[in-house]
Amino acid sequence: MAGLYPYQIEFLKHMTQYKGRGLIQITGRNAGKSVVQKFQMLSKAPKPKIKWKQLPGNKLQAYIDEIQPRGFERGLNESDMDPIQDWSKECNCGVRTSFNTWEFKSDKHITMFLMKWSS
């Protein structure tokens, strides 16, 4: 680590202990040079616990009802639905009809789906 400033060495020490589990926010400037005065590890939001509500006609709708602090609210994203969609296509169990709704052929398919995806 020769040739690094002390604040850079300190920064790298802190980064290696988190192994990419967070997002870095760097703030501060000093006389035109970028100097790390403060950095803060912001944890990535955990994936929400998806719950399922049965709708008429062999349909299920995904939702979350976790209460989160103001400013940290997180709803369902497409990235939350993609693994479910992929599994659904692979196993031929249900068809995605909208962002958070799946339609099934029978109650057996609903049961199989819930066994895999209910938390």
PDB file of N, CA and C in Angstrom:
ATOM      1  N   MET A   1       0.819  -1.190   0.000  1.00  0.00           N
ATOM      2  CA  MET A   1       0.000   0.000   0.000  1.00  0.00           C
ATOM      3  C   MET A   1       0.860   1.250   0.000  1.00  0.00           C
ATOM      4  N   ALA A   2       2.021   1.105  -0.552  1.00  0.00           N
ATOM      5  CA  ALA A   2       2.912   2.261  -0.616  1.00  0.00           C
ATOM      6  C   ALA A   2       2.345   3.281  -1.594  1.00  0.00           C
ATOM      7  N   GLY A   3       2.517   4.536  -1.280  1.00  0.00           N
ATOM      8  CA  GLY A   3       2.066   5.584  -2.172  1.00  0.00           C
ATOM      9  C   GLY A   3       0.632   6.024  -1.925  1.00  0.00           C
ATOM     10  N   LEU A   4      -0.018   5.484  -0.907  1.00  0.00           N
ATOM     11  CA  LEU A   4      -1.384   5.895  -0.587  1.00  0.00           C
ATOM     12  C   LEU A   4      -1.376   6.853   0.591  1.00  0.00           C
ATOM     13  N   TYR A   5      -2.316   7.761   0.591  1.00  0.00           N
ATOM     14  CA  TYR A   5      -2.483   8.679   1.704  1.00  0.00           C
ATOM     15  C   TYR A   5      -3.112   7.925   2.876  1.00  0.00           C
ATOM     16  N   PRO A   6      -2.914   8.413   4.102  1.00  0.00           N
ATOM     17  CA  PRO A   6      -3.477   7.733   5.275  1.00  0.00           C
ATOM     18  C   PRO A   6      -4.998   7.562   5.198  1.00  0.00           C
ATOM     19  N   TYR A   7      -5.708   8.566   4.683  1.00  0.00           N
ATOM     20  CA  TYR A   7      -7.167   8.428   4.620  1.00  0.00           C
ATOM     21  C   TYR A   7      -7.567   7.351   3.614  1.00  0.00           C
ATOM     22  N   GLN A   8      -6.749   7.151   2.545  1.00  0.00           N
ATOM     23  CA  GLN A   8      -7.046   6.094   1.583  1.00  0.00           C
ATOM     24  C   GLN A   8      -6.827   4.719   2.206  1.00  0.00           C
ATOM     25  N   ILE A   9      -5.781   4.581   2.992  1.00  0.00           N
ATOM     26  CA  ILE A   9      -5.519   3.309   3.674  1.00  0.00           C
ATOM     27  C   ILE A   9      -6.644   2.996   4.650  1.00  0.00           C
ATOM     28  N   GLU A  10      -7.059   3.998   5.407  1.00  0.00           N
ATOM     29  CA  GLU A  10      -8.166   3.816   6.356  1.00  0.00           C
ATOM     30  C   GLU A  10      -9.447   3.416   5.628  1.00  0.00           C
ATOM     31  N   PHE A  11      -9.690   4.060   4.520  1.00  0.00           N
ATOM     32  CA  PHE A  11     -10.873   3.766   3.713  1.00  0.00           C
ATOM     33  C   PHE A  11     -10.848   2.315   3.227  1.00  0.00           C
ATOM     34  N   LEU A  12      -9.708   1.860   2.712  1.00  0.00           N
ATOM     35  CA  LEU A  12      -9.594   0.493   2.213  1.00  0.00           C
ATOM     36  C   LEU A  12      -9.753  -0.535   3.331  1.00  0.00           C
ATOM     37  N   LYS A  13      -9.235  -0.227   4.519  1.00  0.00           N
ATOM     38  CA  LYS A  13      -9.410  -1.139   5.654  1.00  0.00           C
ATOM     39  C   LYS A  13     -10.886  -1.339   5.958  1.00  0.00           C
ATOM     40  N   HIS A  14     -11.638  -0.235   5.959  1.00  0.00           N
ATOM     41  CA  HIS A  14     -13.063  -0.325   6.250  1.00  0.00           C
ATOM     42  C   HIS A  14     -13.815  -1.057   5.142  1.00  0.00           C
ATOM     43  N   MET A  15     -13.388  -0.882   3.904  1.00  0.00           N
ATOM     44  CA  MET A  15     -14.082  -1.519   2.787  1.00  0.00           C
ATOM     45  C   MET A  15     -13.911  -3.029   2.799  1.00  0.00           C
ATOM     46  N   THR A  16     -12.725  -3.520   3.167  1.00  0.00           N
ATOM     47  CA  THR A  16     -12.484  -4.952   3.121  1.00  0.00           C
ATOM     48  C   THR A  16     -13.303  -5.704   4.161  1.00  0.00           C
ATOM     49  N   GLN A  17     -13.666  -5.077   5.243  1.00  0.00           N
ATOM     50  CA  GLN A  17     -14.439  -5.786   6.253  1.00  0.00           C
ATOM     51  C   GLN A  17     -15.904  -5.968   5.865  1.00  0.00           C
ATOM     52  N   TYR A  18     -16.417  -5.184   4.915  1.00  0.00           N
ATOM     53  CA  TYR A  18     -17.823  -5.303   4.530  1.00  0.00           C
ATOM     54  C   TYR A  18     -18.031  -6.191   3.311  1.00  0.00           C
ATOM     55  N   LYS A  19     -17.019  -6.494   2.560  1.00  0.00           N
ATOM     56  CA  LYS A  19     -17.069  -7.405   1.427  1.00  0.00           C
ATOM     57  C   LYS A  19     -18.240  -7.131   0.490  1.00  0.00           C
ATOM     58  N   GLY A  20     -18.481  -5.877   0.172  1.00  0.00           N
ATOM     59  CA  GLY A  20     -19.500  -5.530  -0.806  1.00  0.00           C
ATOM     60  C   GLY A  20     -20.925  -5.603  -0.315  1.00  0.00           C
ATOM     61  N   ARG A  21     -21.130  -5.654   0.992  1.00  0.00           N
ATOM     62  CA  ARG A  21     -22.488  -5.763   1.516  1.00  0.00           C
ATOM     63  C   ARG A  21     -23.165  -4.424   1.696  1.00  0.00           C
ATOM     64  N   GLY A  22     -22.582  -3.368   1.269  1.00  0.00           N
ATOM     65  CA  GLY A  22     -23.193  -2.070   1.477  1.00  0.00           C
ATOM     66  C   GLY A  22     -22.861  -1.106   0.366  1.00  0.00           C
ATOM     67  N   LEU A  23     -23.466   0.020   0.425  1.00  0.00           N
ATOM     68  CA  LEU A  23     -23.241   1.077  -0.545  1.00  0.00           C
ATOM     69  C   LEU A  23     -22.493   2.187   0.156  1.00  0.00           C
ATOM     70  N   ILE A  24     -21.510   2.750  -0.495  1.00  0.00           N
ATOM     71  CA  ILE A  24     -20.678   3.778   0.134  1.00  0.00           C
ATOM     72  C   ILE A  24     -21.185   5.145  -0.259  1.00  0.00           C
ATOM     73  N   GLN A  25     -21.290   5.994   0.718  1.00  0.00           N
ATOM     74  CA  GLN A  25     -21.619   7.382   0.456  1.00  0.00           C
ATOM     75  C   GLN A  25     -20.411   8.203   0.895  1.00  0.00           C
ATOM     76  N   ILE A  26     -19.806   8.895  -0.050  1.00  0.00           N
ATOM     77  CA  ILE A  26     -18.620   9.686   0.254  1.00  0.00           C
ATOM     78  C   ILE A  26     -19.000  11.159   0.196  1.00  0.00           C
ATOM     79  N   THR A  27     -18.656  11.884   1.246  1.00  0.00           N
ATOM     80  CA  THR A  27     -18.968  13.307   1.277  1.00  0.00           C
ATOM     81  C   THR A  27     -17.739  14.081   1.695  1.00  0.00           C
ATOM     82  N   GLY A  28     -17.665  15.342   1.292  1.00  0.00           N
ATOM     83  CA  GLY A  28     -16.611  16.216   1.765  1.00  0.00           C
ATOM     84  C   GLY A  28     -15.639  16.617   0.677  1.00  0.00           C
ATOM     85  N   ARG A  29     -15.167  17.843   0.753  1.00  0.00           N
ATOM     86  CA  ARG A  29     -14.137  18.354  -0.146  1.00  0.00           C
ATOM     87  C   ARG A  29     -13.226  19.251   0.692  1.00  0.00           C
ATOM     88  N   ASN A  30     -11.977  19.334   0.289  1.00  0.00           N
ATOM     89  CA  ASN A  30     -11.030  20.142   1.037  1.00  0.00           C
ATOM     90  C   ASN A  30     -10.087  20.830   0.054  1.00  0.00           C
ATOM     91  N   ALA A  31     -10.220  22.119  -0.100  1.00  0.00           N
ATOM     92  CA  ALA A  31      -9.327  22.945  -0.927  1.00  0.00           C
ATOM     93  C   ALA A  31      -9.184  22.400  -2.338  1.00  0.00           C
ATOM     94  N   GLY A  32     -10.291  21.982  -2.938  1.00  0.00           N
ATOM     95  CA  GLY A  32     -10.263  21.511  -4.315  1.00  0.00           C
ATOM     96  C   GLY A  32      -9.840  20.069  -4.476  1.00  0.00           C
ATOM     97  N   LYS A  33      -9.311  19.465  -3.429  1.00  0.00           N
ATOM     98  CA  LYS A  33      -8.929  18.061  -3.497  1.00  0.00           C
ATOM     99  C   LYS A  33     -10.045  17.227  -2.877  1.00  0.00           C
ATOM    100  N   SER A  34     -10.329  16.118  -3.502  1.00  0.00           N
ATOM    101  CA  SER A  34     -11.315  15.219  -2.910  1.00  0.00           C
ATOM    102  C   SER A  34     -10.681  14.520  -1.721  1.00  0.00           C
ATOM    103  N   VAL A  35     -11.246  14.721  -0.592  1.00  0.00           N
ATOM    104  CA  VAL A  35     -10.750  14.101   0.623  1.00  0.00           C
ATOM    105  C   VAL A  35     -11.931  13.421   1.292  1.00  0.00           C
ATOM    106  N   VAL A  36     -11.724  12.211   1.658  1.00  0.00           N
ATOM    107  CA  VAL A  36     -12.786  11.497   2.346  1.00  0.00           C
ATOM    108  C   VAL A  36     -12.797  11.967   3.784  1.00  0.00           C
ATOM    109  N   GLN A  37     -13.809  12.766   4.113  1.00  0.00           N
ATOM    110  CA  GLN A  37     -13.945  13.218   5.487  1.00  0.00           C
ATOM    111  C   GLN A  37     -14.874  12.291   6.263  1.00  0.00           C
ATOM    112  N   LYS A  38     -15.821  11.739   5.527  1.00  0.00           N
ATOM    113  CA  LYS A  38     -16.779  10.889   6.199  1.00  0.00           C
ATOM    114  C   LYS A  38     -17.296   9.881   5.200  1.00  0.00           C
ATOM    115  N   PHE A  39     -17.399   8.688   5.573  1.00  0.00           N
ATOM    116  CA  PHE A  39     -18.109   7.753   4.725  1.00  0.00           C
ATOM    117  C   PHE A  39     -19.014   6.917   5.604  1.00  0.00           C
ATOM    118  N   GLN A  40     -20.068   6.491   5.013  1.00  0.00           N
ATOM    119  CA  GLN A  40     -21.106   5.828   5.793  1.00  0.00           C
ATOM    120  C   GLN A  40     -21.561   4.597   5.021  1.00  0.00           C
ATOM    121  N   MET A  41     -21.633   3.502   5.692  1.00  0.00           N
ATOM    122  CA  MET A  41     -22.108   2.295   5.051  1.00  0.00           C
ATOM    123  C   MET A  41     -23.632   2.255   5.163  1.00  0.00           C
ATOM    124  N   LEU A  42     -24.267   2.219   4.027  1.00  0.00           N
ATOM    125  CA  LEU A  42     -25.720   2.118   3.994  1.00  0.00           C
ATOM    126  C   LEU A  42     -26.058   0.693   3.609  1.00  0.00           C
ATOM    127  N   SER A  43     -26.744   0.027   4.456  1.00  0.00           N
ATOM    128  CA  SER A  43     -27.042  -1.367   4.158  1.00  0.00           C
ATOM    129  C   SER A  43     -28.087  -1.440   3.052  1.00  0.00           C
ATOM    130  N   LYS A  44     -27.972  -2.468   2.258  1.00  0.00           N
ATOM    131  CA  LYS A  44     -28.964  -2.685   1.218  1.00  0.00           C
ATOM    132  C   LYS A  44     -30.242  -3.167   1.887  1.00  0.00           C
ATOM    133  N   ALA A  45     -31.352  -2.719   1.360  1.00  0.00           N
ATOM    134  CA  ALA A  45     -32.633  -3.118   1.935  1.00  0.00           C
ATOM    135  C   ALA A  45     -32.833  -4.611   1.713  1.00  0.00           C
ATOM    136  N   PRO A  46     -33.248  -5.326   2.750  1.00  0.00           N
ATOM    137  CA  PRO A  46     -33.494  -6.757   2.561  1.00  0.00           C
ATOM    138  C   PRO A  46     -34.707  -6.977   1.665  1.00  0.00           C
ATOM    139  N   LYS A  47     -34.726  -8.113   1.009  1.00  0.00           N
ATOM    140  CA  LYS A  47     -35.878  -8.421   0.159  1.00  0.00           C
ATOM    141  C   LYS A  47     -37.121  -8.514   1.029  1.00  0.00           C
ATOM    142  N   PRO A  48     -38.231  -7.986   0.541  1.00  0.00           N
ATOM    143  CA  PRO A  48     -39.453  -8.028   1.348  1.00  0.00           C
ATOM    144  C   PRO A  48     -40.010  -9.442   1.431  1.00  0.00           C
ATOM    145  N   LYS A  49     -40.739  -9.694   2.491  1.00  0.00           N
ATOM    146  CA  LYS A  49     -41.417 -10.977   2.652  1.00  0.00           C
ATOM    147  C   LYS A  49     -42.728 -10.889   1.865  1.00  0.00           C
ATOM    148  N   ILE A  50     -42.831 -11.650   0.799  1.00  0.00           N
ATOM    149  CA  ILE A  50     -43.996 -11.592  -0.085  1.00  0.00           C
ATOM    150  C   ILE A  50     -45.099 -12.474   0.485  1.00  0.00           C
ATOM    151  N   LYS A  51     -46.284 -11.922   0.554  1.00  0.00           N
ATOM    152  CA  LYS A  51     -47.459 -12.667   0.985  1.00  0.00           C
ATOM    153  C   LYS A  51     -48.393 -12.797  -0.202  1.00  0.00           C
ATOM    154  N   TRP A  52     -49.306 -13.769  -0.127  1.00  0.00           N
ATOM    155  CA  TRP A  52     -50.182 -14.064  -1.257  1.00  0.00           C
ATOM    156  C   TRP A  52     -51.637 -14.022  -0.821  1.00  0.00           C
ATOM    157  N   LYS A  53     -52.453 -13.355  -1.624  1.00  0.00           N
ATOM    158  CA  LYS A  53     -53.888 -13.253  -1.364  1.00  0.00           C
ATOM    159  C   LYS A  53     -54.607 -13.963  -2.499  1.00  0.00           C
ATOM    160  N   GLN A  54     -55.541 -14.858  -2.138  1.00  0.00           N
ATOM    161  CA  GLN A  54     -56.275 -15.584  -3.175  1.00  0.00           C
ATOM    162  C   GLN A  54     -57.409 -14.715  -3.714  1.00  0.00           C
ATOM    163  N   LEU A  55     -57.508 -14.663  -5.026  1.00  0.00           N
ATOM    164  CA  LEU A  55     -58.550 -13.911  -5.723  1.00  0.00           C
ATOM    165  C   LEU A  55     -59.504 -14.903  -6.373  1.00  0.00           C
ATOM    166  N   PRO A  56     -60.702 -14.469  -6.741  1.00  0.00           N
ATOM    167  CA  PRO A  56     -61.632 -15.382  -7.404  1.00  0.00           C
ATOM    168  C   PRO A  56     -61.064 -15.885  -8.739  1.00  0.00           C
ATOM    169  N   GLY A  57     -61.394 -17.128  -9.070  1.00  0.00           N
ATOM    170  CA  GLY A  57     -60.991 -17.680 -10.361  1.00  0.00           C
ATOM    171  C   GLY A  57     -59.584 -18.240 -10.387  1.00  0.00           C
ATOM    172  N   ASN A  58     -59.160 -18.946  -9.349  1.00  0.00           N
ATOM    173  CA  ASN A  58     -57.827 -19.559  -9.287  1.00  0.00           C
ATOM    174  C   ASN A  58     -56.702 -18.560  -9.542  1.00  0.00           C
ATOM    175  N   LYS A  59     -56.745 -17.432  -8.862  1.00  0.00           N
ATOM    176  CA  LYS A  59     -55.708 -16.409  -8.999  1.00  0.00           C
ATOM    177  C   LYS A  59     -55.100 -16.107  -7.638  1.00  0.00           C
ATOM    178  N   LEU A  60     -53.834 -15.727  -7.664  1.00  0.00           N
ATOM    179  CA  LEU A  60     -53.135 -15.266  -6.467  1.00  0.00           C
ATOM    180  C   LEU A  60     -52.531 -13.907  -6.755  1.00  0.00           C
ATOM    181  N   GLN A  61     -52.536 -13.049  -5.726  1.00  0.00           N
ATOM    182  CA  GLN A  61     -51.953 -11.716  -5.859  1.00  0.00           C
ATOM    183  C   GLN A  61     -50.888 -11.537  -4.782  1.00  0.00           C
ATOM    184  N   ALA A  62     -49.716 -11.072  -5.191  1.00  0.00           N
ATOM    185  CA  ALA A  62     -48.603 -10.831  -4.263  1.00  0.00           C
ATOM    186  C   ALA A  62     -48.751  -9.464  -3.623  1.00  0.00           C
ATOM    187  N   TYR A  63     -48.385  -9.383  -2.337  1.00  0.00           N
ATOM    188  CA  TYR A  63     -48.380  -8.097  -1.640  1.00  0.00           C
ATOM    189  C   TYR A  63     -47.419  -8.180  -0.460  1.00  0.00           C
ATOM    190  N   ILE A  64     -47.057  -7.031   0.067  1.00  0.00           N
ATOM    191  CA  ILE A  64     -46.301  -6.977   1.310  1.00  0.00           C
ATOM    192  C   ILE A  64     -47.031  -6.026   2.249  1.00  0.00           C
ATOM    193  N   ASP A  65     -46.981  -6.320   3.519  1.00  0.00           N
ATOM    194  CA  ASP A  65     -47.654  -5.442   4.477  1.00  0.00           C
ATOM    195  C   ASP A  65     -46.745  -5.036   5.628  1.00  0.00           C
ATOM    196  N   GLU A  66     -45.451  -5.102   5.375  1.00  0.00           N
ATOM    197  CA  GLU A  66     -44.505  -4.707   6.408  1.00  0.00           C
ATOM    198  C   GLU A  66     -44.522  -3.186   6.577  1.00  0.00           C
ATOM    199  N   ILE A  67     -44.528  -2.752   7.799  1.00  0.00           N
ATOM    200  CA  ILE A  67     -44.467  -1.326   8.086  1.00  0.00           C
ATOM    201  C   ILE A  67     -42.999  -0.953   8.227  1.00  0.00           C
ATOM    202  N   GLN A  68     -42.581   0.041   7.446  1.00  0.00           N
ATOM    203  CA  GLN A  68     -41.189   0.452   7.458  1.00  0.00           C
ATOM    204  C   GLN A  68     -41.111   1.932   7.808  1.00  0.00           C
ATOM    205  N   PRO A  69     -39.980   2.366   8.347  1.00  0.00           N
ATOM    206  CA  PRO A  69     -39.843   3.776   8.720  1.00  0.00           C
ATOM    207  C   PRO A  69     -39.983   4.697   7.510  1.00  0.00           C
ATOM    208  N   ARG A  70     -40.481   5.872   7.763  1.00  0.00           N
ATOM    209  CA  ARG A  70     -40.663   6.846   6.690  1.00  0.00           C
ATOM    210  C   ARG A  70     -39.332   7.136   6.006  1.00  0.00           C
ATOM    211  N   GLY A  71     -39.365   7.136   4.684  1.00  0.00           N
ATOM    212  CA  GLY A  71     -38.155   7.353   3.909  1.00  0.00           C
ATOM    213  C   GLY A  71     -37.457   6.062   3.523  1.00  0.00           C
ATOM    214  N   PHE A  72     -37.829   4.942   4.155  1.00  0.00           N
ATOM    215  CA  PHE A  72     -37.233   3.651   3.847  1.00  0.00           C
ATOM    216  C   PHE A  72     -38.274   2.668   3.323  1.00  0.00           C
ATOM    217  N   GLU A  73     -39.414   3.185   2.869  1.00  0.00           N
ATOM    218  CA  GLU A  73     -40.457   2.311   2.368  1.00  0.00           C
ATOM    219  C   GLU A  73     -39.956   1.573   1.135  1.00  0.00           C
ATOM    220  N   ARG A  74     -40.387   0.353   0.999  1.00  0.00           N
ATOM    221  CA  ARG A  74     -40.008  -0.435  -0.159  1.00  0.00           C
ATOM    222  C   ARG A  74     -41.176  -1.328  -0.519  1.00  0.00           C
ATOM    223  N   GLY A  75     -41.659  -1.192  -1.715  1.00  0.00           N
ATOM    224  CA  GLY A  75     -42.729  -2.057  -2.191  1.00  0.00           C
ATOM    225  C   GLY A  75     -42.146  -3.184  -3.014  1.00  0.00           C
ATOM    226  N   LEU A  76     -43.003  -3.850  -3.752  1.00  0.00           N
ATOM    227  CA  LEU A  76     -42.543  -4.913  -4.637  1.00  0.00           C
ATOM    228  C   LEU A  76     -41.926  -4.302  -5.893  1.00  0.00           C
ATOM    229  N   ASN A  77     -40.857  -4.899  -6.344  1.00  0.00           N
ATOM    230  CA  ASN A  77     -40.183  -4.477  -7.567  1.00  0.00           C
ATOM    231  C   ASN A  77     -40.241  -5.602  -8.590  1.00  0.00           C
ATOM    232  N   GLU A  78     -39.935  -5.277  -9.816  1.00  0.00           N
ATOM    233  CA  GLU A  78     -39.861  -6.295 -10.861  1.00  0.00           C
ATOM    234  C   GLU A  78     -38.804  -7.337 -10.514  1.00  0.00           C
ATOM    235  N   SER A  79     -37.725  -6.902  -9.883  1.00  0.00           N
ATOM    236  CA  SER A  79     -36.670  -7.849  -9.505  1.00  0.00           C
ATOM    237  C   SER A  79     -37.141  -8.855  -8.452  1.00  0.00           C
ATOM    238  N   ASP A  80     -38.168  -8.507  -7.680  1.00  0.00           N
ATOM    239  CA  ASP A  80     -38.737  -9.450  -6.717  1.00  0.00           C
ATOM    240  C   ASP A  80     -39.607 -10.488  -7.421  1.00  0.00           C
ATOM    241  N   MET A  81     -40.223 -10.093  -8.518  1.00  0.00           N
ATOM    242  CA  MET A  81     -41.147 -10.964  -9.234  1.00  0.00           C
ATOM    243  C   MET A  81     -40.451 -11.859 -10.260  1.00  0.00           C
ATOM    244  N   ASP A  82     -39.274 -11.459 -10.740  1.00  0.00           N
ATOM    245  CA  ASP A  82     -38.586 -12.221 -11.794  1.00  0.00           C
ATOM    246  C   ASP A  82     -38.288 -13.669 -11.429  1.00  0.00           C
ATOM    247  N   PRO A  83     -37.737 -13.963 -10.231  1.00  0.00           N
ATOM    248  CA  PRO A  83     -37.485 -15.379  -9.908  1.00  0.00           C
ATOM    249  C   PRO A  83     -38.771 -16.200  -9.859  1.00  0.00           C
ATOM    250  N   ILE A  84     -39.839 -15.590  -9.403  1.00  0.00           N
ATOM    251  CA  ILE A  84     -41.121 -16.294  -9.348  1.00  0.00           C
ATOM    252  C   ILE A  84     -41.607 -16.580 -10.759  1.00  0.00           C
ATOM    253  N   GLN A  85     -41.481 -15.593 -11.638  1.00  0.00           N
ATOM    254  CA  GLN A  85     -41.888 -15.763 -13.041  1.00  0.00           C
ATOM    255  C   GLN A  85     -41.072 -16.867 -13.709  1.00  0.00           C
ATOM    256  N   ASP A  86     -39.759 -16.863 -13.489  1.00  0.00           N
ATOM    257  CA  ASP A  86     -38.892 -17.881 -14.092  1.00  0.00           C
ATOM    258  C   ASP A  86     -39.274 -19.282 -13.618  1.00  0.00           C
ATOM    259  N   TRP A  87     -39.480 -19.432 -12.310  1.00  0.00           N
ATOM    260  CA  TRP A  87     -39.875 -20.734 -11.771  1.00  0.00           C
ATOM    261  C   TRP A  87     -41.226 -21.153 -12.325  1.00  0.00           C
ATOM    262  N   SER A  88     -42.143 -20.221 -12.408  1.00  0.00           N
ATOM    263  CA  SER A  88     -43.486 -20.495 -12.917  1.00  0.00           C
ATOM    264  C   SER A  88     -43.443 -21.015 -14.353  1.00  0.00           C
ATOM    265  N   LYS A  89     -42.606 -20.399 -15.189  1.00  0.00           N
ATOM    266  CA  LYS A  89     -42.457 -20.860 -16.581  1.00  0.00           C
ATOM    267  C   LYS A  89     -41.791 -22.228 -16.633  1.00  0.00           C
ATOM    268  N   GLU A  90     -40.733 -22.395 -15.841  1.00  0.00           N
ATOM    269  CA  GLU A  90     -39.973 -23.644 -15.854  1.00  0.00           C
ATOM    270  C   GLU A  90     -40.829 -24.837 -15.425  1.00  0.00           C
ATOM    271  N   CYS A  91     -41.653 -24.640 -14.411  1.00  0.00           N
ATOM    272  CA  CYS A  91     -42.464 -25.733 -13.874  1.00  0.00           C
ATOM    273  C   CYS A  91     -43.864 -25.778 -14.479  1.00  0.00           C
ATOM    274  N   ASN A  92     -44.154 -24.849 -15.375  1.00  0.00           N
ATOM    275  CA  ASN A  92     -45.478 -24.773 -16.000  1.00  0.00           C
ATOM    276  C   ASN A  92     -46.570 -24.731 -14.929  1.00  0.00           C
ATOM    277  N   CYS A  93     -46.354 -23.894 -13.942  1.00  0.00           N
ATOM    278  CA  CYS A  93     -47.287 -23.771 -12.825  1.00  0.00           C
ATOM    279  C   CYS A  93     -47.748 -22.324 -12.726  1.00  0.00           C
ATOM    280  N   GLY A  94     -48.817 -22.002 -13.403  1.00  0.00           N
ATOM    281  CA  GLY A  94     -49.373 -20.661 -13.350  1.00  0.00           C
ATOM    282  C   GLY A  94     -48.853 -19.769 -14.459  1.00  0.00           C
ATOM    283  N   VAL A  95     -49.653 -18.748 -14.745  1.00  0.00           N
ATOM    284  CA  VAL A  95     -49.313 -17.764 -15.767  1.00  0.00           C
ATOM    285  C   VAL A  95     -49.415 -16.395 -15.124  1.00  0.00           C
ATOM    286  N   ARG A  96     -48.398 -15.583 -15.322  1.00  0.00           N
ATOM    287  CA  ARG A  96     -48.414 -14.227 -14.778  1.00  0.00           C
ATOM    288  C   ARG A  96     -49.316 -13.365 -15.650  1.00  0.00           C
ATOM    289  N   THR A  97     -50.356 -12.805 -15.033  1.00  0.00           N
ATOM    290  CA  THR A  97     -51.321 -12.021 -15.799  1.00  0.00           C
ATOM    291  C   THR A  97     -51.127 -10.518 -15.620  1.00  0.00           C
ATOM    292  N   SER A  98     -50.463 -10.113 -14.561  1.00  0.00           N
ATOM    293  CA  SER A  98     -50.143  -8.706 -14.355  1.00  0.00           C
ATOM    294  C   SER A  98     -48.890  -8.640 -13.478  1.00  0.00           C
ATOM    295  N   PHE A  99     -48.534  -7.437 -13.054  1.00  0.00           N
ATOM    296  CA  PHE A  99     -47.299  -7.266 -12.282  1.00  0.00           C
ATOM    297  C   PHE A  99     -47.209  -8.218 -11.098  1.00  0.00           C
ATOM    298  N   ASN A 100     -48.284  -8.324 -10.325  1.00  0.00           N
ATOM    299  CA  ASN A 100     -48.229  -9.136  -9.100  1.00  0.00           C
ATOM    300  C   ASN A 100     -49.334 -10.182  -9.023  1.00  0.00           C
ATOM    301  N   THR A 101     -49.875 -10.611 -10.159  1.00  0.00           N
ATOM    302  CA  THR A 101     -50.985 -11.570 -10.164  1.00  0.00           C
ATOM    303  C   THR A 101     -50.652 -12.768 -11.057  1.00  0.00           C
ATOM    304  N   TRP A 102     -50.939 -13.963 -10.539  1.00  0.00           N
ATOM    305  CA  TRP A 102     -50.770 -15.205 -11.288  1.00  0.00           C
ATOM    306  C   TRP A 102     -52.110 -15.914 -11.390  1.00  0.00           C
ATOM    307  N   GLU A 103     -52.337 -16.576 -12.517  1.00  0.00           N
ATOM    308  CA  GLU A 103     -53.550 -17.367 -12.715  1.00  0.00           C
ATOM    309  C   GLU A 103     -53.150 -18.831 -12.890  1.00  0.00           C
ATOM    310  N   PHE A 104     -53.936 -19.722 -12.280  1.00  0.00           N
ATOM    311  CA  PHE A 104     -53.606 -21.147 -12.264  1.00  0.00           C
ATOM    312  C   PHE A 104     -54.740 -21.976 -12.856  1.00  0.00           C
ATOM    313  N   LYS A 105     -54.394 -23.209 -13.276  1.00  0.00           N
ATOM    314  CA  LYS A 105     -55.381 -24.107 -13.875  1.00  0.00           C
ATOM    315  C   LYS A 105     -56.254 -24.766 -12.813  1.00  0.00           C
ATOM    316  N   SER A 106     -55.659 -25.060 -11.652  1.00  0.00           N
ATOM    317  CA  SER A 106     -56.419 -25.786 -10.621  1.00  0.00           C
ATOM    318  C   SER A 106     -55.895 -25.435  -9.236  1.00  0.00           C
ATOM    319  N   ASP A 107     -56.617 -25.952  -8.241  1.00  0.00           N
ATOM    320  CA  ASP A 107     -56.186 -25.747  -6.854  1.00  0.00           C
ATOM    321  C   ASP A 107     -54.874 -26.477  -6.567  1.00  0.00           C
ATOM    322  N   LYS A 108     -54.608 -27.572  -7.262  1.00  0.00           N
ATOM    323  CA  LYS A 108     -53.346 -28.299  -7.073  1.00  0.00           C
ATOM    324  C   LYS A 108     -52.160 -27.422  -7.472  1.00  0.00           C
ATOM    325  N   HIS A 109     -52.315 -26.692  -8.557  1.00  0.00           N
ATOM    326  CA  HIS A 109     -51.239 -25.796  -8.982  1.00  0.00           C
ATOM    327  C   HIS A 109     -51.040 -24.662  -7.975  1.00  0.00           C
ATOM    328  N   ILE A 110     -52.132 -24.159  -7.424  1.00  0.00           N
ATOM    329  CA  ILE A 110     -52.022 -23.106  -6.408  1.00  0.00           C
ATOM    330  C   ILE A 110     -51.275 -23.634  -5.186  1.00  0.00           C
ATOM    331  N   THR A 111     -51.617 -24.857  -4.768  1.00  0.00           N
ATOM    332  CA  THR A 111     -50.959 -25.455  -3.609  1.00  0.00           C
ATOM    333  C   THR A 111     -49.464 -25.638  -3.858  1.00  0.00           C
ATOM    334  N   MET A 112     -49.116 -26.134  -5.047  1.00  0.00           N
ATOM    335  CA  MET A 112     -47.703 -26.323  -5.384  1.00  0.00           C
ATOM    336  C   MET A 112     -46.967 -24.978  -5.387  1.00  0.00           C
ATOM    337  N   PHE A 113     -47.601 -23.958  -5.951  1.00  0.00           N
ATOM    338  CA  PHE A 113     -47.010 -22.620  -6.016  1.00  0.00           C
ATOM    339  C   PHE A 113     -46.788 -22.068  -4.608  1.00  0.00           C
ATOM    340  N   LEU A 114     -47.791 -22.190  -3.753  1.00  0.00           N
ATOM    341  CA  LEU A 114     -47.672 -21.661  -2.383  1.00  0.00           C
ATOM    342  C   LEU A 114     -46.644 -22.431  -1.560  1.00  0.00           C
ATOM    343  N   MET A 115     -46.502 -23.733  -1.829  1.00  0.00           N
ATOM    344  CA  MET A 115     -45.482 -24.496  -1.114  1.00  0.00           C
ATOM    345  C   MET A 115     -44.088 -23.973  -1.444  1.00  0.00           C
ATOM    346  N   LYS A 116     -43.905 -23.518  -2.663  1.00  0.00           N
ATOM    347  CA  LYS A 116     -42.600 -22.999  -3.071  1.00  0.00           C
ATOM    348  C   LYS A 116     -42.401 -21.543  -2.626  1.00  0.00           C
ATOM    349  N   TRP A 117     -43.408 -20.679  -2.787  1.00  0.00           N
ATOM    350  CA  TRP A 117     -43.195 -19.249  -2.672  1.00  0.00           C
ATOM    351  C   TRP A 117     -43.805 -18.574  -1.444  1.00  0.00           C
ATOM    352  N   SER A 118     -44.542 -19.278  -0.617  1.00  0.00           N
ATOM    353  CA  SER A 118     -45.046 -18.606   0.584  1.00  0.00           C
ATOM    354  C   SER A 118     -43.969 -18.634   1.648  1.00  0.00           C
ATOM    355  N   SER A 119     -43.901 -17.586   2.435  1.00  0.00           N
ATOM    356  CA  SER A 119     -42.828 -17.475   3.444  1.00  0.00           C
ATOM    357  C   SER A 119     -43.296 -17.990   4.771  1.00  0.00           C
TER     358      SER A 119
END
